[in-house]
Amino acid sequence: MANAYSAPKTLLVLGDSLSAEYGLARGTGWVALLEQRLKTQNNTTQVVNASISGETTSGGRARLPALLARHHPDVVLIELGANDGLRGLPVAAAEANLRAMGEAVKQAGAQVVLVGMRMPPNYGRDYADKFSALYARLGKEWKAPLVPFMFAGVPDQPQFFQADRMHPTAIAHPTILNNIWPQLAPLLKAK
């Protein structure tokens, strides 16, 4: 029987198409696989996937206050920035938006998990380096768990990508979850 000391936690996933199952059958993306894993471990964490394909850091920043008020999450996983980078938006703008989201999460009494993004090499080394460094810097400043790169072990596997060569196939999502899990799991233990 549950009591006040074992109340389930709520995880809010704020992401883009990489977390919204773009091009996949429902239930095959990493967030759905996370829910399945939690159930097999008898972990009653409620997972709210508020990810939207095409989302940018500015869109996430605009939507976050209402999501925090509605769901009162204990943990917020922010997986945003890829679309900012792919559009060549200034790194400083993405940083300002991510900072605002981190502050909003902190003020709501929740813990942030930040998922780092990397840009393809064709965006230029300077831009790609600055973009990647942004996540490491914020994670360190916030003393927040950082997933350095959710695609670790994925880019060298052509079968792990859809025809657009940007979005992962369903067979890549267990690897993605395994990259995120070590940073997320400790925060989802019962209260």
Protein backbone atom coordinates (compact mmCIF):
# COMPACT_ATOMS: atom_id res chain seq x y z
CA MET A 1 0.00 0.00 0.00
CA ALA A 2 1.35 3.42 -0.97
CA ASN A 3 1.82 6.05 1.67
CA ALA A 4 3.14 9.60 1.76
CA TYR A 5 6.70 8.29 1.85
CA SER A 6 6.33 6.25 -1.31
CA ALA A 7 4.36 8.69 -3.41
CA PRO A 8 5.14 8.27 -7.10
CA LYS A 9 7.26 10.86 -8.79
CA THR A 10 6.38 12.70 -11.98
CA LEU A 11 8.85 13.05 -14.83
CA LEU A 12 8.19 15.69 -17.48
CA VAL A 13 10.00 15.15 -20.78
CA LEU A 14 10.27 18.39 -22.74
CA GLY A 15 11.75 17.57 -26.10
CA ASP A 16 11.48 17.66 -29.85
CA SER A 17 10.96 14.98 -32.52
CA LEU A 18 13.75 12.87 -31.01
CA SER A 19 11.51 12.27 -27.98
CA ALA A 20 8.12 12.59 -29.73
CA GLU A 21 8.43 9.34 -31.74
CA TYR A 22 8.67 11.14 -35.08
CA GLY A 23 8.25 8.59 -37.89
CA LEU A 24 7.85 5.72 -35.44
CA ALA A 25 5.00 3.47 -34.40
CA ARG A 26 3.54 4.70 -31.11
CA GLY A 27 5.16 3.04 -28.14
CA THR A 28 8.55 2.41 -29.77
CA GLY A 29 10.43 5.61 -28.84
CA TRP A 30 12.81 5.96 -25.92
CA VAL A 31 10.21 7.64 -23.67
CA ALA A 32 7.77 4.75 -24.11
CA LEU A 33 10.62 2.31 -23.53
CA LEU A 34 11.47 4.22 -20.35
CA GLU A 35 7.90 3.80 -19.12
CA GLN A 36 8.12 0.06 -19.81
CA ARG A 37 11.43 -0.21 -17.97
CA LEU A 38 10.05 1.63 -14.95
CA LYS A 39 7.05 -0.72 -14.83
CA THR A 40 9.26 -3.81 -14.90
CA GLN A 41 11.09 -2.33 -11.89
CA ASN A 42 7.83 -1.63 -10.06
CA ASN A 43 8.65 2.08 -10.25
CA THR A 44 5.42 4.08 -10.32
CA THR A 45 6.91 7.27 -11.77
CA GLN A 46 4.35 9.02 -13.94
CA VAL A 47 5.96 9.99 -17.25
CA VAL A 48 4.51 12.97 -19.10
CA ASN A 49 5.90 13.26 -22.61
CA ALA A 50 5.34 16.88 -23.65
CA SER A 51 7.66 16.59 -26.66
CA ILE A 52 6.65 18.12 -29.99
CA SER A 53 8.31 17.53 -33.36
CA GLY A 54 10.01 20.69 -34.56
CA GLU A 55 10.21 22.22 -31.08
CA THR A 56 12.94 24.79 -30.42
CA THR A 57 14.30 26.12 -27.16
CA SER A 58 12.08 29.21 -27.53
CA GLY A 59 8.99 27.03 -27.97
CA GLY A 60 9.93 24.92 -24.96
CA ARG A 61 10.54 28.04 -22.92
CA ALA A 62 7.10 29.38 -23.85
CA ARG A 63 5.30 26.11 -23.03
CA LEU A 64 7.17 25.20 -19.84
CA PRO A 65 5.36 27.39 -17.27
CA ALA A 66 1.96 25.89 -18.11
CA LEU A 67 3.41 22.36 -18.07
CA LEU A 68 4.99 22.93 -14.66
CA ALA A 69 1.73 24.31 -13.27
CA ARG A 70 -0.32 21.46 -14.69
CA HIS A 71 1.89 18.46 -13.88
CA HIS A 72 3.96 19.56 -10.83
CA PRO A 73 6.89 17.38 -11.91
CA ASP A 74 9.67 16.22 -9.62
CA VAL A 75 12.08 15.86 -12.54
CA VAL A 76 12.15 17.68 -15.88
CA LEU A 77 14.25 16.23 -18.68
CA ILE A 78 15.05 18.92 -21.24
CA GLU A 79 15.91 17.51 -24.66
CA LEU A 80 15.86 20.66 -26.79
CA GLY A 81 18.21 22.60 -29.01
CA ALA A 82 18.68 20.36 -32.03
CA ASN A 83 16.20 22.37 -34.10
CA ASP A 84 17.83 25.64 -33.02
CA GLY A 85 21.17 24.32 -34.24
CA LEU A 86 19.83 22.86 -37.47
CA ARG A 87 18.34 26.27 -38.27
CA GLY A 88 21.67 27.92 -37.52
CA LEU A 89 20.19 30.07 -34.77
CA PRO A 90 22.65 31.87 -32.50
CA VAL A 91 24.05 29.73 -29.71
CA ALA A 92 23.50 32.63 -27.30
CA ALA A 93 19.74 32.55 -27.99
CA ALA A 94 19.54 28.81 -27.27
CA GLU A 95 21.57 29.36 -24.11
CA ALA A 96 19.25 32.14 -22.91
CA ASN A 97 16.21 29.94 -23.49
CA LEU A 98 17.75 26.93 -21.78
CA ARG A 99 18.81 29.09 -18.82
CA ALA A 100 15.27 30.42 -18.46
CA MET A 101 13.91 26.87 -18.53
CA GLY A 102 16.43 25.73 -15.92
CA GLU A 103 15.45 28.61 -13.65
CA ALA A 104 11.73 27.87 -14.08
CA VAL A 105 12.29 24.21 -13.21
CA LYS A 106 14.36 25.15 -10.16
CA GLN A 107 11.74 27.66 -8.98
CA ALA A 108 9.11 24.94 -9.32
CA GLY A 109 11.14 22.76 -6.95
CA ALA A 110 12.00 20.17 -9.58
CA GLN A 111 15.31 18.66 -10.69
CA VAL A 112 16.62 19.21 -14.24
CA VAL A 113 18.20 16.55 -16.40
CA LEU A 114 19.80 18.13 -19.45
CA VAL A 115 20.31 16.23 -22.70
CA GLY A 116 23.23 17.58 -24.70
CA MET A 117 23.00 18.11 -28.44
CA ARG A 118 25.66 18.06 -31.13
CA MET A 119 25.55 19.49 -34.61
CA PRO A 120 26.63 17.66 -37.75
CA PRO A 121 30.13 18.60 -39.00
CA ASN A 122 28.75 20.44 -42.02
CA TYR A 123 27.68 23.29 -39.71
CA GLY A 124 31.31 24.21 -39.17
CA ARG A 125 33.58 23.27 -36.33
CA ASP A 126 33.32 26.60 -34.49
CA TYR A 127 29.51 26.54 -34.38
CA ALA A 128 29.37 22.84 -33.54
CA ASP A 129 31.94 23.21 -30.73
CA LYS A 130 30.15 26.22 -29.21
CA PHE A 131 26.82 24.43 -29.44
CA SER A 132 28.05 21.28 -27.74
CA ALA A 133 29.93 23.24 -25.06
CA LEU A 134 26.73 25.07 -24.11
CA TYR A 135 25.22 21.91 -22.60
CA ALA A 136 28.34 20.94 -20.67
CA ARG A 137 28.58 24.47 -19.25
CA LEU A 138 24.93 24.60 -18.16
CA GLY A 139 25.04 21.12 -16.66
CA LYS A 140 28.08 22.07 -14.62
CA GLU A 141 26.65 25.44 -13.52
CA TRP A 142 23.35 23.87 -12.52
CA LYS A 143 25.03 20.84 -10.93
CA ALA A 144 22.46 18.94 -12.97
CA PRO A 145 22.76 15.49 -14.48
CA LEU A 146 23.89 15.82 -18.10
CA VAL A 147 23.46 13.28 -20.85
CA PRO A 148 26.43 14.35 -23.00
CA PHE A 149 25.02 12.89 -26.24
CA MET A 150 21.84 10.85 -26.49
CA PHE A 151 23.04 9.35 -29.79
CA ALA A 152 26.27 7.84 -28.42
CA GLY A 153 26.85 4.62 -30.35
CA VAL A 154 24.18 5.49 -32.91
CA PRO A 155 25.74 7.67 -35.69
CA ASP A 156 27.95 4.92 -37.10
CA GLN A 157 24.98 2.60 -37.63
CA PRO A 158 23.12 3.52 -40.88
CA GLN A 159 20.24 1.16 -40.00
CA PHE A 160 19.62 3.27 -36.89
CA PHE A 161 18.34 6.20 -38.98
CA GLN A 162 15.23 6.89 -40.98
CA ALA A 163 15.53 7.90 -44.63
CA ASP A 164 16.14 11.55 -43.64
CA ARG A 165 19.37 10.46 -41.86
CA MET A 166 18.43 12.65 -38.90
CA HIS A 167 15.68 10.83 -37.02
CA PRO A 168 16.43 7.50 -35.38
CA THR A 169 14.55 4.31 -36.22
CA ALA A 170 12.85 2.23 -33.56
CA ILE A 171 15.88 -0.08 -33.31
CA ALA A 172 18.03 2.89 -32.19
CA HIS A 173 15.75 3.90 -29.31
CA PRO A 174 16.88 1.20 -26.83
CA THR A 175 20.44 2.56 -27.26
CA ILE A 176 19.17 6.12 -26.77
CA LEU A 177 17.37 5.08 -23.58
CA ASN A 178 20.52 3.34 -22.34
CA ASN A 179 22.44 6.59 -22.89
CA ILE A 180 19.89 8.60 -20.89
CA TRP A 181 19.10 6.05 -18.15
CA PRO A 182 22.25 6.42 -15.98
CA GLN A 183 21.59 10.15 -15.46
CA LEU A 184 17.84 9.79 -15.01
CA ALA A 185 17.39 6.61 -12.97
CA PRO A 186 18.77 7.90 -9.63
CA LEU A 187 16.24 10.76 -9.68
CA LEU A 188 13.22 8.50 -10.20
CA LYS A 189 13.48 6.48 -7.01
CA ALA A 190 10.44 6.64 -4.74
CA LYS A 191 10.18 9.66 -2.46
